Amino acid sequence: MYGGREVLVIAFVNLNQFKEARAAIEEAKTKNLLSPNLLGLGLYMLAFLQNDTAGMKQQVRLAMGKTLVDSRLLNLEAHSAAYAGQLRRSQEFFQQSVAATQGRGDRDSAAFYEASAALMQAQFGLMIDARQRVTSPLRVSTNRDVQYGAALAFAGEAARAQALADDLGKRFPEDTIVQYNYLPTLRAQLAVNRNDAPRAVDALQSAAPYELGDVYSFSLYPVYVRGLAYLTEHRGSEAVAEFQKILDHRGIVRNECIGALAHLQLGRAYALQGDTSKAKAAYQDFLTLWKDADHDIPILKQAKAEYAKLQ
């Protein structure tokens, strides 16, 4: 459970008020109210959001040897690397975070990091790799977040994803996050994969009142999938609104990879509208974020080819 100071910091971050969040941390520091979560994880995320690479490295260095904090920071490093398109580096950090959690017997956290790594591969277009990787966490954990991440990674394999979604619905009938975030997103993603955009949009209606909530590593996925549905339906203006929503809530999406991919999808949405100038700007933003990305990532190859056609 978070204490009052952590809640305050998280609230400031979610509102994109990063200076205020840092001030709250500094005040807590002077009053000796800091927990390891608030100090290490909070300062790391603020450094990421303020493009402070040195600050991120400092927090990782300070956390080493602190068993609980270092595995979580390694997980954050994995997400940050993926945000920049450095998938191989990201997967290495995931492996380290898995090893750290397994070392202290925390199977659910280890499985969660494995599922997150698989989902990252799926988002980048490496579907075979994702499906191979995601079988391992499902063998050791039935945690709701593990199962959700695995189902999203399996979304290209409809039967497996649907079975996981059905099981989540049965086991967590009164869980708000499952019923109003996870399940609508899974149903929508499966509909998008069937090119059934209207059903995807309909499935996400129940998520709308909750979708800007902070859901750890899965925040704003309902928004992202709705945007994909609108792209599938060639509704450019609606897609623009969804992907812009992600970019406008950076403090919620944080270093989740869809925060970077939203730039690319925004470019695709503007291209659908015929607004070449804005499309090119959005593609450029994405390619700048991914300037040091692994060159063989499928979605990066697609982005470069699409951008070239706009010239």
Protein backbone atom coordinates (compact mmCIF):
# COMPACT_ATOMS: atom_id res chain seq x y z
CA MET A 1 0.00 0.00 0.00
CA TYR A 2 1.13 3.53 -0.72
CA GLY A 3 1.43 6.09 2.06
CA GLY A 4 0.04 9.60 1.85
CA ARG A 5 3.25 11.08 0.49
CA GLU A 6 3.47 8.50 -2.29
CA VAL A 7 -0.15 9.18 -3.25
CA LEU A 8 0.57 12.91 -3.46
CA VAL A 9 3.62 12.38 -5.67
CA ILE A 10 1.75 9.98 -7.97
CA ALA A 11 -1.12 12.47 -8.26
CA PHE A 12 1.25 15.24 -9.33
CA VAL A 13 2.92 12.94 -11.87
CA ASN A 14 -0.43 11.82 -13.31
CA LEU A 15 -1.34 15.48 -13.80
CA ASN A 16 1.96 16.18 -15.62
CA GLN A 17 2.99 18.43 -12.72
CA PHE A 18 6.54 17.12 -12.54
CA LYS A 19 8.10 20.08 -10.74
CA GLU A 20 5.47 19.83 -8.03
CA ALA A 21 6.09 16.08 -7.72
CA ARG A 22 9.82 16.66 -7.25
CA ALA A 23 9.13 19.38 -4.67
CA ALA A 24 6.90 16.96 -2.74
CA ILE A 25 9.70 14.41 -2.73
CA GLU A 26 12.25 16.96 -1.54
CA GLU A 27 9.92 18.09 1.25
CA ALA A 28 9.42 14.49 2.34
CA LYS A 29 13.17 14.01 2.28
CA THR A 30 13.74 16.83 4.74
CA LYS A 31 11.11 15.36 7.08
CA ASN A 32 12.51 11.84 6.81
CA LEU A 33 9.25 10.56 5.29
CA LEU A 34 10.81 8.78 2.32
CA SER A 35 10.20 5.13 1.57
CA PRO A 36 12.38 3.19 -0.91
CA ASN A 37 9.51 3.31 -3.42
CA LEU A 38 9.14 7.06 -3.18
CA LEU A 39 12.85 7.76 -3.32
CA GLY A 40 14.12 5.31 -5.94
CA LEU A 41 11.17 4.59 -8.19
CA GLY A 42 9.68 8.08 -7.92
CA LEU A 43 12.91 9.91 -8.69
CA TYR A 44 13.70 7.53 -11.53
CA MET A 45 10.34 8.12 -13.19
CA LEU A 46 10.58 11.87 -12.74
CA ALA A 47 14.03 11.78 -14.34
CA PHE A 48 12.59 9.85 -17.29
CA LEU A 49 9.70 12.26 -17.72
CA GLN A 50 12.09 15.21 -17.62
CA ASN A 51 14.53 13.58 -20.08
CA ASP A 52 17.22 13.39 -17.39
CA THR A 53 19.27 10.35 -18.41
CA ALA A 54 21.92 11.01 -15.78
CA GLY A 55 19.25 11.13 -13.08
CA MET A 56 17.84 7.79 -14.20
CA LYS A 57 21.27 6.16 -14.07
CA GLN A 58 21.90 7.62 -10.63
CA GLN A 59 18.75 6.05 -9.19
CA VAL A 60 19.59 2.66 -10.68
CA ARG A 61 23.09 2.86 -9.22
CA LEU A 62 21.76 3.81 -5.78
CA ALA A 63 19.24 0.95 -5.83
CA MET A 64 21.68 -1.85 -6.50
CA GLY A 65 21.78 -4.24 -3.56
CA LYS A 66 18.38 -3.14 -2.24
CA THR A 67 16.59 -6.35 -3.13
CA LEU A 68 13.04 -5.12 -3.73
CA VAL A 69 13.88 -1.78 -5.26
CA ASP A 70 16.56 -2.95 -7.66
CA SER A 71 14.29 -5.48 -9.44
CA ARG A 72 11.61 -2.82 -9.90
CA LEU A 73 14.12 -0.31 -11.22
CA LEU A 74 15.52 -2.91 -13.61
CA ASN A 75 11.95 -3.37 -14.84
CA LEU A 76 11.65 0.39 -15.33
CA GLU A 77 14.95 0.38 -17.22
CA ALA A 78 13.53 -2.34 -19.48
CA HIS A 79 10.52 -0.18 -20.28
CA SER A 80 12.66 2.91 -20.85
CA ALA A 81 14.89 1.02 -23.29
CA ALA A 82 11.84 -0.26 -25.18
CA TYR A 83 10.40 3.27 -25.26
CA ALA A 84 13.50 4.20 -27.27
CA GLY A 85 13.17 1.16 -29.53
CA GLN A 86 16.15 -0.61 -27.98
CA LEU A 87 14.43 -3.96 -27.72
CA ARG A 88 17.48 -6.17 -27.22
CA ARG A 89 18.67 -3.95 -24.37
CA SER A 90 15.15 -3.95 -22.95
CA GLN A 91 14.97 -7.74 -23.00
CA GLU A 92 18.30 -7.92 -21.14
CA PHE A 93 16.92 -5.68 -18.39
CA PHE A 94 13.76 -7.79 -18.20
CA GLN A 95 15.91 -10.90 -17.76
CA GLN A 96 17.82 -9.23 -14.94
CA SER A 97 14.60 -8.16 -13.20
CA VAL A 98 13.20 -11.70 -13.56
CA ALA A 99 16.38 -13.18 -12.07
CA ALA A 100 16.27 -10.71 -9.17
CA THR A 101 12.66 -11.56 -8.30
CA GLN A 102 13.19 -15.30 -8.71
CA GLY A 103 16.13 -15.02 -6.35
CA ARG A 104 13.83 -13.92 -3.56
CA GLY A 105 11.08 -16.43 -4.46
CA ASP A 106 8.63 -13.90 -5.91
CA ARG A 107 7.14 -15.96 -8.74
CA ASP A 108 4.29 -13.56 -9.53
CA SER A 109 6.60 -10.60 -10.09
CA ALA A 110 8.99 -12.70 -12.17
CA ALA A 111 6.06 -13.90 -14.29
CA PHE A 112 4.78 -10.33 -14.64
CA TYR A 113 8.12 -9.14 -15.98
CA GLU A 114 8.20 -12.07 -18.43
CA ALA A 115 4.69 -11.25 -19.65
CA SER A 116 5.64 -7.58 -20.02
CA ALA A 117 8.66 -8.55 -22.11
CA ALA A 118 6.44 -10.67 -24.36
CA LEU A 119 3.89 -7.88 -24.75
CA MET A 120 6.68 -5.52 -25.78
CA GLN A 121 7.72 -7.94 -28.53
CA ALA A 122 4.12 -8.20 -29.71
CA GLN A 123 3.69 -4.42 -29.85
CA PHE A 124 6.80 -4.15 -32.01
CA GLY A 125 5.59 -6.80 -34.46
CA LEU A 126 7.59 -9.80 -33.25
CA MET A 127 4.55 -12.00 -32.77
CA ILE A 128 6.26 -15.39 -32.92
CA ASP A 129 8.84 -14.35 -30.31
CA ALA A 130 6.07 -12.95 -28.11
CA ARG A 131 3.99 -16.13 -28.22
CA GLN A 132 7.02 -18.27 -27.42
CA ARG A 133 8.03 -16.11 -24.48
CA VAL A 134 4.62 -15.72 -22.92
CA THR A 135 4.05 -19.44 -22.31
CA SER A 136 6.58 -19.45 -19.45
CA PRO A 137 4.88 -16.95 -17.09
CA LEU A 138 1.51 -18.62 -17.58
CA ARG A 139 2.93 -21.90 -16.30
CA VAL A 140 3.95 -20.40 -12.97
CA SER A 141 1.39 -17.69 -12.19
CA THR A 142 -2.35 -17.02 -12.43
CA ASN A 143 -1.93 -13.42 -11.26
CA ARG A 144 -4.48 -11.16 -13.00
CA ASP A 145 -1.85 -8.75 -14.39
CA VAL A 146 0.29 -11.60 -15.69
CA GLN A 147 -2.71 -13.14 -17.40
CA TYR A 148 -3.79 -9.82 -18.93
CA GLY A 149 -0.32 -9.04 -20.29
CA ALA A 150 -0.08 -12.55 -21.69
CA ALA A 151 -3.51 -12.29 -23.32
CA LEU A 152 -2.54 -9.04 -25.03
CA ALA A 153 0.67 -10.64 -26.25
CA PHE A 154 -1.41 -13.58 -27.52
CA ALA A 155 -3.96 -11.31 -29.23
CA GLY A 156 -2.84 -12.52 -32.65
CA GLU A 157 -3.79 -16.05 -31.56
CA ALA A 158 -7.48 -15.51 -30.91
CA ALA A 159 -8.38 -18.79 -29.21
CA ARG A 160 -5.65 -18.53 -26.56
CA ALA A 161 -6.33 -14.85 -25.90
CA GLN A 162 -10.08 -15.43 -25.64
CA ALA A 163 -9.58 -18.31 -23.20
CA LEU A 164 -7.42 -16.13 -20.97
CA ALA A 165 -9.95 -13.30 -21.14
CA ASP A 166 -12.81 -15.65 -20.25
CA ASP A 167 -10.87 -16.99 -17.28
CA LEU A 168 -10.11 -13.46 -16.04
CA GLY A 169 -13.80 -12.57 -16.22
CA LYS A 170 -14.81 -15.64 -14.22
CA ARG A 171 -12.14 -15.29 -11.53
CA PHE A 172 -12.48 -11.53 -11.00
CA PRO A 173 -16.18 -10.69 -11.41
CA GLU A 174 -16.02 -7.71 -9.02
CA ASP A 175 -12.55 -6.39 -9.87
CA THR A 176 -12.98 -2.91 -11.36
CA ILE A 177 -9.70 -2.95 -13.28
CA VAL A 178 -10.42 -6.36 -14.80
CA GLN A 179 -14.05 -5.65 -15.68
CA TYR A 180 -13.70 -2.06 -16.88
CA ASN A 181 -10.17 -1.92 -18.26
CA TYR A 182 -8.58 -5.28 -18.97
CA LEU A 183 -11.54 -7.16 -20.45
CA PRO A 184 -12.85 -4.33 -22.67
CA THR A 185 -9.31 -3.82 -24.01
CA LEU A 186 -8.83 -7.51 -24.75
CA ARG A 187 -12.20 -7.78 -26.47
CA ALA A 188 -11.43 -4.69 -28.52
CA GLN A 189 -7.97 -5.91 -29.51
CA LEU A 190 -9.41 -9.23 -30.64
CA ALA A 191 -12.03 -7.37 -32.70
CA VAL A 192 -9.34 -5.16 -34.28
CA ASN A 193 -7.44 -8.29 -35.26
CA ARG A 194 -10.60 -9.50 -37.02
CA ASN A 195 -10.91 -6.11 -38.79
CA ASP A 196 -14.15 -5.54 -36.87
CA ALA A 197 -13.54 -1.94 -35.80
CA PRO A 198 -17.17 -1.12 -34.85
CA ARG A 199 -17.23 -4.02 -32.37
CA ALA A 200 -13.89 -2.90 -30.94
CA VAL A 201 -15.14 0.63 -30.35
CA ASP A 202 -18.33 -0.72 -28.81
CA ALA A 203 -16.39 -3.03 -26.49
CA LEU A 204 -14.44 -0.07 -25.13
CA GLN A 205 -17.47 2.01 -24.18
CA SER A 206 -17.51 0.52 -20.69
CA ALA A 207 -13.83 1.45 -20.23
CA ALA A 208 -14.28 5.13 -21.11
CA PRO A 209 -15.01 6.41 -17.56
CA TYR A 210 -11.94 4.59 -16.18
CA GLU A 211 -9.40 4.57 -19.00
CA LEU A 212 -7.32 7.52 -17.74
CA GLY A 213 -6.70 5.70 -14.48
CA ASP A 214 -3.20 4.68 -13.46
CA VAL A 215 -2.92 0.92 -14.12
CA TYR A 216 0.79 0.37 -13.46
CA SER A 217 2.42 -0.89 -16.68
CA PHE A 218 -0.82 -1.07 -18.68
CA SER A 219 -2.10 2.48 -18.42
CA LEU A 220 -3.97 3.95 -21.41
CA TYR A 221 -4.16 0.69 -23.35
CA PRO A 222 -7.94 1.16 -23.86
CA VAL A 223 -7.20 4.52 -25.50
CA TYR A 224 -4.45 3.05 -27.67
CA VAL A 225 -6.56 0.13 -28.88
CA ARG A 226 -9.51 2.44 -29.62
CA GLY A 227 -7.15 4.51 -31.73
CA LEU A 228 -6.08 1.37 -33.60
CA ALA A 229 -9.75 0.54 -34.20
CA TYR A 230 -10.37 3.96 -35.70
CA LEU A 231 -7.31 3.54 -37.93
CA THR A 232 -8.68 0.20 -39.12
CA GLU A 233 -11.96 1.92 -39.93
CA HIS A 234 -10.13 4.80 -41.70
CA ARG A 235 -11.60 7.33 -39.28
CA GLY A 236 -8.58 9.62 -39.17
CA SER A 237 -9.91 12.46 -37.03
CA GLU A 238 -11.17 10.11 -34.31
CA ALA A 239 -7.86 8.25 -34.33
CA VAL A 240 -5.97 11.53 -33.98
CA ALA A 241 -7.99 12.38 -30.87
CA GLU A 242 -7.18 9.03 -29.22
CA PHE A 243 -3.44 9.05 -29.87
CA GLN A 244 -3.18 12.72 -28.92
CA LYS A 245 -4.87 11.81 -25.63
CA ILE A 246 -1.95 9.50 -24.89
CA LEU A 247 0.61 12.18 -25.71
CA ASP A 248 -1.27 14.68 -23.54
CA HIS A 249 -1.16 12.32 -20.53
CA ARG A 250 2.54 11.55 -20.43
CA GLY A 251 2.51 11.38 -16.64
CA ILE A 252 0.06 8.45 -16.83
CA VAL A 253 1.56 6.46 -19.70
CA ARG A 254 5.10 7.25 -18.45
CA ASN A 255 7.69 4.97 -20.07
CA GLU A 256 5.23 2.41 -21.44
CA CYS A 257 6.08 1.70 -25.08
CA ILE A 258 2.69 2.86 -26.38
CA GLY A 259 3.73 6.35 -25.31
CA ALA A 260 6.35 6.27 -28.07
CA LEU A 261 4.24 4.28 -30.54
CA ALA A 262 1.45 6.85 -30.19
CA HIS A 263 3.61 9.28 -32.23
CA LEU A 264 3.74 6.78 -35.10
CA GLN A 265 0.03 6.02 -34.92
CA LEU A 266 -0.71 9.75 -34.84
CA GLY A 267 1.29 10.11 -38.06
CA ARG A 268 -0.77 7.33 -39.63
CA ALA A 269 -3.98 9.03 -38.51
CA TYR A 270 -2.97 12.38 -39.98
CA ALA A 271 -1.99 10.62 -43.22
CA LEU A 272 -5.51 9.15 -43.39
CA GLN A 273 -6.85 12.69 -43.13
CA GLY A 274 -4.61 13.80 -45.97
CA ASP A 275 -2.73 16.22 -43.69
CA THR A 276 0.77 15.47 -44.96
CA SER A 277 2.46 18.24 -42.98
CA LYS A 278 1.19 17.04 -39.60
CA ALA A 279 1.73 13.41 -40.58
CA LYS A 280 5.37 14.07 -41.41
CA ALA A 281 5.88 15.93 -38.12
CA ALA A 282 4.43 13.01 -36.12
CA TYR A 283 6.56 10.46 -38.00
CA GLN A 284 9.61 12.64 -37.39
CA ASP A 285 8.83 12.76 -33.66
CA PHE A 286 8.66 8.96 -33.58
CA LEU A 287 11.82 8.45 -35.62
CA THR A 288 13.66 10.94 -33.41
CA LEU A 289 12.61 9.00 -30.30
CA TRP A 290 13.83 5.83 -32.02
CA LYS A 291 17.02 7.27 -33.53
CA ASP A 292 19.10 4.68 -31.63
CA ALA A 293 16.57 1.86 -31.99
CA ASP A 294 17.38 -1.68 -33.08
CA HIS A 295 17.22 -1.44 -36.86
CA ASP A 296 15.47 -4.79 -37.42
CA ILE A 297 12.26 -4.11 -35.45
CA PRO A 298 9.31 -4.72 -37.81
CA ILE A 299 7.28 -1.68 -36.76
CA LEU A 300 10.31 0.58 -37.26
CA LYS A 301 10.80 -0.75 -40.79
CA GLN A 302 7.13 -0.05 -41.51
CA ALA A 303 7.40 3.46 -40.08
CA LYS A 304 10.44 4.32 -42.23
CA ALA A 305 8.74 3.00 -45.37
CA GLU A 306 5.56 4.96 -44.66
CA TYR A 307 7.50 8.13 -43.89
CA ALA A 308 9.45 7.82 -47.16
CA LYS A 309 6.15 7.77 -49.09
CA LEU A 310 5.19 11.11 -47.54
CA GLN A 311 8.25 12.88 -48.94
